[in-house]
Amino acid sequence: MTSVSTTLIAVSEPPRRGRSLLDADGKPTNDPRRAVSGEYVEYDARSKQARRTWFRLEQVEIKWLPVSEPAFLLWVLALLLIVWLAIGVALGVFL
């Protein structure tokens, strides 16, 4: 008796993508580096929307922060370093 085996391999094509990008003035652009908002859409093999990803970039000023954001982050880094060193001294690591 002979046994015959058939294997089906599904070949899928890569998803097709569409994109819509807007620059800071709200005008359409094709340059992703200038885009501040937009969306990427992926379509499946049947041309149906499979996934939609949108984005928007905004520069926000923190009103309660009395200094610039980089200066604030440097102060936070310095504070964390001091706390780390204090814990090391308390545990006797830096003797």
Protein backbone atom coordinates (compact mmCIF):
# COMPACT_ATOMS: atom_id res chain seq x y z
CA MET A 1 0.00 0.00 0.00
CA THR A 2 1.38 3.40 -0.95
CA SER A 3 0.68 6.52 0.99
CA VAL A 4 0.64 9.91 -0.71
CA SER A 5 1.13 13.07 1.27
CA THR A 6 0.22 16.51 0.01
CA THR A 7 1.47 19.64 1.66
CA LEU A 8 -0.05 23.00 0.91
CA ILE A 9 2.08 26.03 1.50
CA ALA A 10 0.32 29.36 1.62
CA VAL A 11 2.34 32.04 -0.06
CA SER A 12 1.35 35.38 1.27
CA GLU A 13 2.34 38.58 -0.31
CA PRO A 14 3.70 41.30 1.93
CA PRO A 15 1.07 43.69 3.24
CA ARG A 16 0.45 46.75 1.14
CA ARG A 17 0.86 50.03 2.94
CA GLY A 18 -0.54 53.48 2.50
CA ARG A 19 0.40 56.63 4.35
CA SER A 20 -0.82 60.13 4.81
CA LEU A 21 1.60 62.66 6.34
CA LEU A 22 1.12 66.31 7.32
CA ASP A 23 3.80 68.90 8.07
CA ALA A 24 3.72 71.60 10.79
CA ASP A 25 1.60 73.89 8.60
CA GLY A 26 -1.02 71.17 8.05
CA LYS A 27 -0.01 70.62 4.41
CA PRO A 28 0.48 67.13 2.96
CA THR A 29 4.10 66.02 2.68
CA ASN A 30 5.96 62.95 1.47
CA ASP A 31 8.96 63.58 3.74
CA PRO A 32 8.65 61.58 6.98
CA ARG A 33 11.25 63.82 8.67
CA ARG A 34 9.02 66.88 8.27
CA ALA A 35 5.79 65.13 9.27
CA VAL A 36 4.23 66.08 12.60
CA SER A 37 1.05 64.06 12.16
CA GLY A 38 -0.38 61.42 9.91
CA GLU A 39 -1.36 57.79 9.63
CA TYR A 40 -0.05 54.54 8.23
CA VAL A 41 -2.53 51.98 6.91
CA GLU A 42 -1.78 48.33 6.09
CA TYR A 43 -4.04 46.35 3.78
CA ASP A 44 -4.35 42.57 3.60
CA ALA A 45 -4.41 40.44 0.45
CA ARG A 46 -8.12 41.19 -0.08
CA SER A 47 -7.46 44.96 0.01
CA LYS A 48 -9.22 45.29 3.34
CA GLN A 49 -7.76 47.49 6.02
CA ALA A 50 -5.75 45.26 8.37
CA ARG A 51 -4.15 47.84 10.64
CA ARG A 52 -4.21 51.61 11.05
CA THR A 53 -1.61 53.52 13.05
CA TRP A 54 -1.83 57.25 13.53
CA PHE A 55 0.55 59.65 15.19
CA ARG A 56 0.79 63.28 16.23
CA LEU A 57 3.80 65.16 17.60
CA GLU A 58 3.35 68.24 19.72
CA GLN A 59 5.80 70.35 21.62
CA VAL A 60 4.34 70.99 25.04
CA GLU A 61 5.68 73.46 27.58
CA ILE A 62 5.27 72.41 31.19
CA LYS A 63 3.84 75.50 32.86
CA TRP A 64 4.63 74.58 36.48
CA LEU A 65 8.32 73.98 35.72
CA PRO A 66 10.32 77.14 36.60
CA VAL A 67 13.39 76.11 34.55
CA SER A 68 13.87 74.57 31.12
CA GLU A 69 13.25 70.86 30.72
CA PRO A 70 16.93 69.93 30.12
CA ALA A 71 17.96 71.84 33.27
CA PHE A 72 15.25 70.07 35.26
CA LEU A 73 16.40 66.67 34.01
CA LEU A 74 20.01 67.47 34.98
CA TRP A 75 18.85 68.34 38.51
CA VAL A 76 16.90 65.06 38.69
CA LEU A 77 19.99 63.16 37.51
CA ALA A 78 22.15 64.89 40.13
CA LEU A 79 19.61 64.12 42.86
CA LEU A 80 19.46 60.43 41.87
CA LEU A 81 23.27 60.25 41.89
CA ILE A 82 23.40 61.75 45.39
CA VAL A 83 20.76 59.29 46.64
CA TRP A 84 22.68 56.40 45.05
CA LEU A 85 25.93 57.51 46.73
CA ALA A 86 24.16 57.99 50.09
CA ILE A 87 22.78 54.44 49.92
CA GLY A 88 26.26 53.16 49.10
CA VAL A 89 27.77 54.98 52.08
CA ALA A 90 24.98 53.76 54.38
CA LEU A 91 25.58 50.15 53.32
CA GLY A 92 29.34 50.53 53.72
CA VAL A 93 30.15 50.00 50.06
CA PHE A 94 32.27 53.17 49.76
CA LEU A 95 34.66 52.84 52.69
